[in-house]
Amino acid sequence: MSKNDITQSTITEKWWGYFFAVAIVCIVVITITIADSRDLPLTIISAVLGVAMTVFATYFLFKGQSNQQLAMLQKQHHIESIKEKESEIFKQKLATYNRFLNALRKYVTESTDSNKKEVIFHAMAIRMHSKPEVVEALDDNIINLIKSTGCEKEVEVLIESLHSIACIFGNELYGASIGSSKNLHAFTEAISGSQEEPSENEKLLEAAEEEKEDAAAIQESSVISWDNQIKFLKTQGWNYTPASDSFTLTSDSSPIVISVYRKKGKYVVEASKEGDNDFSQTLKDSFKGSRRYGTWWRELPINNYGVTKGSLLEQLSVNDKARASVIKWTNKLMSGLN
């Protein structure tokens, strides 16, 4: 009911009150004027007053009940509106947090400019739903997570930062802190694995040896074009998936993944097999390099051949030495995995 309706109802009640009062006075006066007996006017007046009081009492009782019911309906409607609004806000917050986590996952997995911008947009969207102290706590964990990408403690920081972010989101959405997990440290150690990596001096010796092999391959004109290499890969049952500064080889018949991408400022060739912790040890025994559980990788000397950040796929078509190095290692891994 609007304010105008309430005002109009109040005015109407006043006029009805005036009408009943005037009517009673008129009845009393007329009765006194026409009556012969002294007792008769008093009797009539008493009867009229009794009727009037009953009418007034009944009218205002029903009016009070009507107003009370109206107030209850308005209160119920207000509560339902608040619940509906809170439910919609919850859905929006949940969707925003999920989009942010997905953008963060893509950026950590592949740090491209496109993924970087997506993280920025979704991180800004969170600010609409969070208090300043919550935003500050999220920023701290996001900074730690991004800075650790590609470093030695990458997995450890990733787990700790994502756990902290999950705790913040849980508190914001459900009003209760998730708290620390007693198995978090054990989980970090288990998934990180015992990493084995050659020393910097060993890496230099390996790179020098590879450069000689690549130069010899160019001299012998045994390096095919990159287009022909892709065709060859397909004949061997491998799917070639290029990205902005990397590519991945997958097989429909095998869970093994071979990829070449940039890590810690250098390009590496990597092979992994999910669920097989001994897989990387076999490759390390055969090809040296580095390993951690089911993942093996080795640095490529193609930076020394003029391949800079963002130019990998372009260079593979025109840079003979870089192409020789990449083809050599993809062929070695494919043959070693069969």
Protein backbone atom coordinates (compact mmCIF):
# COMPACT_ATOMS: atom_id res chain seq x y z
CA MET A 1 0.00 0.00 0.00
CA SER A 2 1.37 3.40 -1.00
CA LYS A 3 1.74 6.45 1.28
CA ASN A 4 -1.11 8.25 -0.57
CA ASP A 5 -3.45 5.30 0.02
CA ILE A 6 -2.64 5.28 3.76
CA THR A 7 -3.26 9.04 4.04
CA GLN A 8 -6.60 8.75 2.20
CA SER A 9 -7.67 5.88 4.50
CA THR A 10 -6.87 7.95 7.62
CA ILE A 11 -8.94 10.90 6.36
CA THR A 12 -11.87 8.57 5.62
CA GLU A 13 -11.71 7.15 9.14
CA LYS A 14 -11.84 10.66 10.64
CA TRP A 15 -14.92 11.61 8.61
CA TRP A 16 -16.69 8.41 9.62
CA GLY A 17 -15.89 9.23 13.25
CA TYR A 18 -17.35 12.72 12.88
CA PHE A 19 -20.45 11.28 11.20
CA PHE A 20 -21.13 8.79 14.03
CA ALA A 21 -20.61 11.49 16.68
CA VAL A 22 -23.02 13.90 15.00
CA ALA A 23 -25.55 11.12 14.48
CA ILE A 24 -25.48 10.18 18.15
CA VAL A 25 -25.89 13.79 19.26
CA CYS A 26 -28.83 14.23 16.88
CA ILE A 27 -30.55 11.10 18.18
CA VAL A 28 -30.10 12.17 21.76
CA VAL A 29 -31.48 15.68 21.12
CA ILE A 30 -34.50 14.40 19.16
CA THR A 31 -35.25 11.79 21.77
CA ILE A 32 -35.20 14.35 24.61
CA THR A 33 -37.39 16.72 22.61
CA ILE A 34 -40.18 14.29 21.70
CA ALA A 35 -40.27 12.12 24.79
CA ASP A 36 -43.05 12.56 27.47
CA SER A 37 -41.44 10.35 30.04
CA ARG A 38 -38.23 11.26 31.78
CA ASP A 39 -37.07 7.67 31.88
CA LEU A 40 -37.65 7.06 28.19
CA PRO A 41 -34.96 9.45 26.90
CA LEU A 42 -32.38 7.92 29.23
CA THR A 43 -33.31 4.45 28.11
CA ILE A 44 -33.11 5.37 24.43
CA ILE A 45 -29.90 7.28 24.94
CA SER A 46 -28.35 4.32 26.74
CA ALA A 47 -29.47 1.97 23.96
CA VAL A 48 -28.15 4.29 21.24
CA LEU A 49 -24.86 4.78 23.04
CA GLY A 50 -24.53 1.02 23.51
CA VAL A 51 -25.18 0.40 19.82
CA ALA A 52 -22.77 3.18 18.83
CA MET A 53 -20.03 1.85 21.09
CA THR A 54 -20.55 -1.65 19.69
CA VAL A 55 -20.36 -0.31 16.14
CA PHE A 56 -17.24 1.72 16.92
CA ALA A 57 -15.58 -1.20 18.75
CA THR A 58 -16.39 -3.63 15.93
CA TYR A 59 -15.23 -1.20 13.26
CA PHE A 60 -11.89 -0.39 14.89
CA LEU A 61 -11.31 -4.04 15.84
CA PHE A 62 -11.68 -5.12 12.21
CA LYS A 63 -9.62 -2.13 11.13
CA GLY A 64 -6.83 -3.08 13.54
CA GLN A 65 -6.85 -6.69 12.36
CA SER A 66 -6.75 -5.53 8.75
CA ASN A 67 -3.80 -3.22 9.44
CA GLN A 68 -1.99 -5.98 11.34
CA GLN A 69 -2.47 -8.45 8.51
CA LEU A 70 -1.29 -5.85 6.00
CA ALA A 71 1.82 -5.14 8.10
CA MET A 72 2.57 -8.88 8.35
CA LEU A 73 2.22 -9.30 4.58
CA GLN A 74 4.50 -6.31 3.97
CA LYS A 75 7.09 -7.69 6.42
CA GLN A 76 6.94 -11.14 4.81
CA HIS A 77 7.34 -9.61 1.35
CA HIS A 78 10.31 -7.57 2.60
CA ILE A 79 11.99 -10.67 4.07
CA GLU A 80 11.43 -12.64 0.85
CA SER A 81 12.90 -9.77 -1.19
CA ILE A 82 15.99 -9.72 1.04
CA LYS A 83 16.39 -13.52 0.76
CA GLU A 84 16.00 -13.37 -3.01
CA LYS A 85 18.58 -10.60 -3.24
CA GLU A 86 21.03 -12.49 -1.01
CA SER A 87 20.56 -15.66 -3.08
CA GLU A 88 21.29 -13.78 -6.31
CA ILE A 89 24.38 -12.14 -4.78
CA PHE A 90 25.62 -15.56 -3.64
CA LYS A 91 25.21 -16.98 -7.15
CA GLN A 92 27.05 -14.02 -8.67
CA LYS A 93 29.92 -14.28 -6.16
CA LEU A 94 30.25 -18.02 -6.71
CA ALA A 95 30.33 -17.58 -10.50
CA THR A 96 32.87 -14.75 -10.21
CA TYR A 97 35.18 -16.80 -7.96
CA ASN A 98 34.97 -19.83 -10.28
CA ARG A 99 35.78 -17.72 -13.35
CA PHE A 100 38.74 -16.20 -11.54
CA LEU A 101 40.12 -19.61 -10.49
CA ASN A 102 39.75 -20.91 -14.04
CA ALA A 103 41.58 -17.86 -15.44
CA LEU A 104 44.32 -18.32 -12.84
CA ARG A 105 44.65 -21.99 -13.77
CA LYS A 106 45.09 -21.17 -17.45
CA TYR A 107 47.69 -18.50 -16.69
CA VAL A 108 49.75 -20.74 -14.39
CA THR A 109 49.55 -23.58 -16.93
CA GLU A 110 50.44 -21.36 -19.87
CA SER A 111 51.63 -17.79 -19.19
CA THR A 112 50.49 -16.17 -22.42
CA ASP A 113 49.55 -12.50 -22.83
CA SER A 114 45.94 -13.49 -23.44
CA ASN A 115 45.76 -15.56 -20.24
CA LYS A 116 47.50 -12.79 -18.33
CA LYS A 117 44.83 -10.26 -19.36
CA GLU A 118 42.08 -12.70 -18.42
CA VAL A 119 43.50 -13.01 -14.89
CA ILE A 120 43.57 -9.22 -14.59
CA PHE A 121 39.91 -8.82 -15.61
CA HIS A 122 38.64 -11.55 -13.29
CA ALA A 123 40.79 -10.33 -10.39
CA MET A 124 39.25 -6.88 -10.80
CA ALA A 125 35.75 -8.39 -10.88
CA ILE A 126 36.31 -9.91 -7.43
CA ARG A 127 36.75 -6.42 -6.01
CA MET A 128 33.04 -5.75 -6.58
CA HIS A 129 32.11 -8.50 -4.11
CA SER A 130 34.85 -8.28 -1.48
CA LYS A 131 35.93 -6.05 1.38
CA PRO A 132 39.30 -4.21 1.16
CA GLU A 133 41.00 -6.59 3.62
CA VAL A 134 39.80 -9.60 1.62
CA VAL A 135 41.09 -8.07 -1.63
CA GLU A 136 44.45 -7.42 0.01
CA ALA A 137 44.74 -11.03 1.21
CA LEU A 138 43.82 -12.31 -2.26
CA ASP A 139 46.36 -10.02 -3.92
CA ASP A 140 49.14 -11.33 -1.66
CA ASN A 141 48.43 -14.93 -2.65
CA ILE A 142 48.02 -14.10 -6.35
CA ILE A 143 51.38 -12.27 -6.35
CA ASN A 144 53.13 -15.21 -4.64
CA LEU A 145 51.56 -17.66 -7.08
CA ILE A 146 52.51 -15.69 -10.21
CA LYS A 147 56.04 -14.96 -9.01
CA SER A 148 56.65 -18.65 -8.26
CA THR A 149 55.68 -19.80 -11.77
CA GLY A 150 58.73 -21.48 -13.26
CA CYS A 151 60.81 -21.37 -10.08
CA GLU A 152 62.10 -24.28 -8.04
CA LYS A 153 59.35 -24.07 -5.41
CA GLU A 154 56.57 -23.58 -7.95
CA VAL A 155 54.41 -26.52 -6.87
CA GLU A 156 54.82 -25.81 -3.15
CA VAL A 157 53.80 -22.15 -3.49
CA LEU A 158 50.99 -23.11 -5.87
CA ILE A 159 49.42 -25.46 -3.31
CA GLU A 160 49.84 -23.07 -0.39
CA SER A 161 48.51 -20.04 -2.30
CA LEU A 162 45.52 -21.88 -3.77
CA HIS A 163 44.68 -23.29 -0.34
CA SER A 164 44.73 -19.79 1.13
CA ILE A 165 42.54 -18.47 -1.70
CA ALA A 166 40.10 -21.35 -1.19
CA CYS A 167 39.91 -20.50 2.54
CA ILE A 168 39.18 -16.85 1.74
CA PHE A 169 36.46 -17.73 -0.78
CA GLY A 170 34.93 -20.28 1.62
CA ASN A 171 34.72 -17.69 4.39
CA GLU A 172 33.22 -15.11 2.02
CA LEU A 173 30.61 -17.52 0.62
CA TYR A 174 29.67 -19.64 3.64
CA GLY A 175 30.78 -17.51 6.59
CA ALA A 176 33.07 -20.19 8.02
CA SER A 177 36.80 -20.60 7.63
CA ILE A 178 38.04 -23.82 6.03
CA GLY A 179 41.11 -23.73 8.25
CA SER A 180 44.45 -25.40 7.70
CA SER A 181 44.73 -29.00 6.60
CA LYS A 182 47.00 -31.25 8.63
CA ASN A 183 47.77 -33.22 5.44
CA LEU A 184 48.57 -30.15 3.32
CA HIS A 185 52.31 -30.42 3.90
CA ALA A 186 52.28 -34.15 3.17
CA PHE A 187 50.27 -33.51 0.01
CA THR A 188 52.80 -30.87 -1.09
CA GLU A 189 55.71 -33.23 -0.58
CA ALA A 190 53.97 -36.11 -2.34
CA ILE A 191 52.94 -34.17 -5.44
CA SER A 192 56.24 -32.29 -5.72
CA GLY A 193 58.23 -35.52 -5.65
CA SER A 194 61.97 -35.87 -5.37
CA GLN A 195 63.22 -33.62 -8.14
CA GLU A 196 66.50 -34.45 -9.82
CA GLU A 197 68.19 -31.77 -11.90
CA PRO A 198 71.73 -31.54 -13.31
CA SER A 199 74.10 -28.81 -12.16
CA GLU A 200 74.66 -25.67 -14.22
CA ASN A 201 78.04 -26.99 -15.34
CA GLU A 202 76.45 -30.25 -16.51
CA LYS A 203 73.83 -28.26 -18.41
CA LEU A 204 76.55 -26.26 -20.19
CA LEU A 205 78.37 -29.46 -21.21
CA GLU A 206 75.12 -30.99 -22.47
CA ALA A 207 74.30 -27.84 -24.44
CA ALA A 208 77.76 -27.76 -26.04
CA GLU A 209 77.42 -31.41 -27.07
CA GLU A 210 73.99 -30.78 -28.53
CA GLU A 211 75.15 -27.77 -30.53
CA LYS A 212 77.75 -30.00 -32.22
CA GLU A 213 75.06 -32.57 -33.05
CA ASP A 214 72.75 -29.90 -34.46
CA ALA A 215 75.51 -28.37 -36.57
CA ALA A 216 76.40 -31.82 -37.94
CA ALA A 217 72.75 -32.46 -38.86
CA ILE A 218 72.61 -29.18 -40.79
CA GLN A 219 75.88 -30.00 -42.55
CA GLU A 220 74.53 -33.37 -43.66
CA SER A 221 71.29 -31.73 -44.90
CA SER A 222 69.30 -34.32 -42.96
CA VAL A 223 66.85 -31.83 -41.42
CA ILE A 224 63.42 -31.88 -43.01
CA SER A 225 61.06 -28.91 -43.13
CA TRP A 226 58.75 -28.28 -40.19
CA ASP A 227 55.64 -28.93 -42.30
CA ASN A 228 57.02 -32.32 -43.30
CA GLN A 229 57.83 -33.08 -39.66
CA ILE A 230 54.23 -32.35 -38.68
CA LYS A 231 53.02 -34.71 -41.42
CA PHE A 232 55.43 -37.35 -40.16
CA LEU A 233 54.16 -36.97 -36.61
CA LYS A 234 50.60 -37.53 -37.77
CA THR A 235 51.58 -40.72 -39.61
CA GLN A 236 53.02 -41.99 -36.32
CA GLY A 237 49.72 -41.41 -34.51
CA TRP A 238 50.63 -38.15 -32.77
CA ASN A 239 48.40 -35.08 -32.60
CA TYR A 240 50.17 -31.75 -33.00
CA THR A 241 48.66 -28.83 -31.03
CA PRO A 242 50.41 -25.45 -31.43
CA ALA A 243 50.02 -22.60 -28.92
CA SER A 244 51.35 -19.02 -28.88
CA ASP A 245 54.89 -19.98 -27.81
CA SER A 246 54.78 -23.76 -27.48
CA PHE A 247 53.38 -26.95 -28.95
CA THR A 248 52.14 -30.26 -27.58
CA LEU A 249 52.15 -33.78 -28.97
CA THR A 250 49.53 -36.25 -27.75
CA SER A 251 48.56 -39.74 -28.79
CA ASP A 252 45.09 -41.29 -28.80
CA SER A 253 46.57 -44.64 -27.86
CA SER A 254 48.89 -43.47 -25.08
CA PRO A 255 48.61 -41.18 -22.01
CA ILE A 256 52.08 -39.77 -22.76
CA VAL A 257 52.38 -36.06 -23.56
CA ILE A 258 55.41 -34.48 -25.27
CA SER A 259 55.74 -30.70 -25.36
CA VAL A 260 58.19 -27.90 -26.09
CA TYR A 261 57.68 -24.62 -24.22
CA ARG A 262 59.48 -21.80 -22.43
CA LYS A 263 60.43 -22.28 -18.76
CA LYS A 264 62.64 -20.12 -16.54
CA GLY A 265 63.67 -18.05 -19.55
CA LYS A 266 64.72 -21.06 -21.65
CA TYR A 267 62.98 -23.52 -23.92
CA VAL A 268 62.65 -27.11 -22.75
CA VAL A 269 61.42 -30.37 -24.20
CA GLU A 270 59.23 -32.30 -21.77
CA ALA A 271 57.57 -35.70 -21.59
CA SER A 272 55.08 -36.81 -18.96
CA LYS A 273 52.90 -39.81 -18.25
CA GLU A 274 50.09 -39.48 -15.76
CA GLY A 275 50.04 -42.09 -13.01
CA ASP A 276 53.48 -43.55 -13.82
CA ASN A 277 56.14 -42.32 -11.41
CA ASP A 278 58.87 -44.55 -12.87
CA PHE A 279 58.33 -43.15 -16.36
CA SER A 280 60.60 -40.12 -15.85
CA GLN A 281 63.37 -42.21 -14.31
CA THR A 282 63.62 -44.34 -17.45
CA LEU A 283 63.96 -41.22 -19.62
CA LYS A 284 66.56 -39.70 -17.30
CA ASP A 285 68.64 -42.86 -17.45
CA SER A 286 68.49 -42.74 -21.25
CA PHE A 287 68.68 -39.00 -21.99
CA LYS A 288 69.98 -37.34 -18.76
CA GLY A 289 68.06 -34.06 -18.17
CA SER A 290 65.78 -33.46 -15.16
CA ARG A 291 62.92 -35.40 -13.61
CA ARG A 292 60.20 -35.23 -10.97
CA TYR A 293 57.95 -38.25 -10.56
CA GLY A 294 56.12 -38.81 -13.85
CA THR A 295 57.67 -35.81 -15.66
CA TRP A 296 61.00 -35.56 -17.48
CA TRP A 297 62.44 -32.46 -19.20
CA ARG A 298 65.62 -31.14 -20.71
CA GLU A 299 66.75 -27.66 -21.72
CA LEU A 300 67.21 -27.03 -25.45
CA PRO A 301 70.08 -24.83 -26.74
CA ILE A 302 67.78 -23.09 -29.25
CA ASN A 303 68.12 -19.79 -27.36
CA ASN A 304 71.69 -19.80 -28.65
CA TYR A 305 70.30 -20.14 -32.19
CA GLY A 306 68.30 -16.92 -32.02
CA VAL A 307 64.97 -18.20 -30.73
CA THR A 308 63.61 -15.54 -28.39
CA LYS A 309 60.46 -15.36 -26.30
CA GLY A 310 57.35 -15.65 -28.43
CA SER A 311 59.15 -16.70 -31.64
CA LEU A 312 59.33 -20.49 -31.26
CA LEU A 313 56.84 -21.60 -33.93
CA GLU A 314 57.95 -18.90 -36.34
CA GLN A 315 61.61 -19.89 -35.95
CA LEU A 316 60.92 -23.59 -36.46
CA SER A 317 59.91 -22.86 -40.04
CA VAL A 318 63.01 -20.80 -40.96
CA ASN A 319 65.72 -21.55 -38.38
CA ASP A 320 67.49 -24.76 -39.41
CA LYS A 321 69.46 -25.24 -36.18
CA ALA A 322 66.46 -24.69 -33.93
CA ARG A 323 64.36 -27.04 -36.04
CA ALA A 324 67.14 -29.66 -36.00
CA SER A 325 67.26 -29.55 -32.19
CA VAL A 326 63.49 -29.81 -31.72
CA ILE A 327 63.03 -32.57 -34.30
CA LYS A 328 65.95 -34.55 -32.84
CA TRP A 329 64.41 -34.61 -29.38
CA THR A 330 60.81 -35.24 -30.37
CA ASN A 331 61.97 -38.17 -32.54
CA LYS A 332 64.19 -39.49 -29.73
CA LEU A 333 61.31 -39.43 -27.26
CA MET A 334 58.83 -41.00 -29.65
CA SER A 335 61.21 -43.81 -30.45
CA GLY A 336 62.19 -44.25 -26.79
CA LEU A 337 58.56 -44.44 -25.68
CA ASN A 338 57.49 -47.12 -28.15
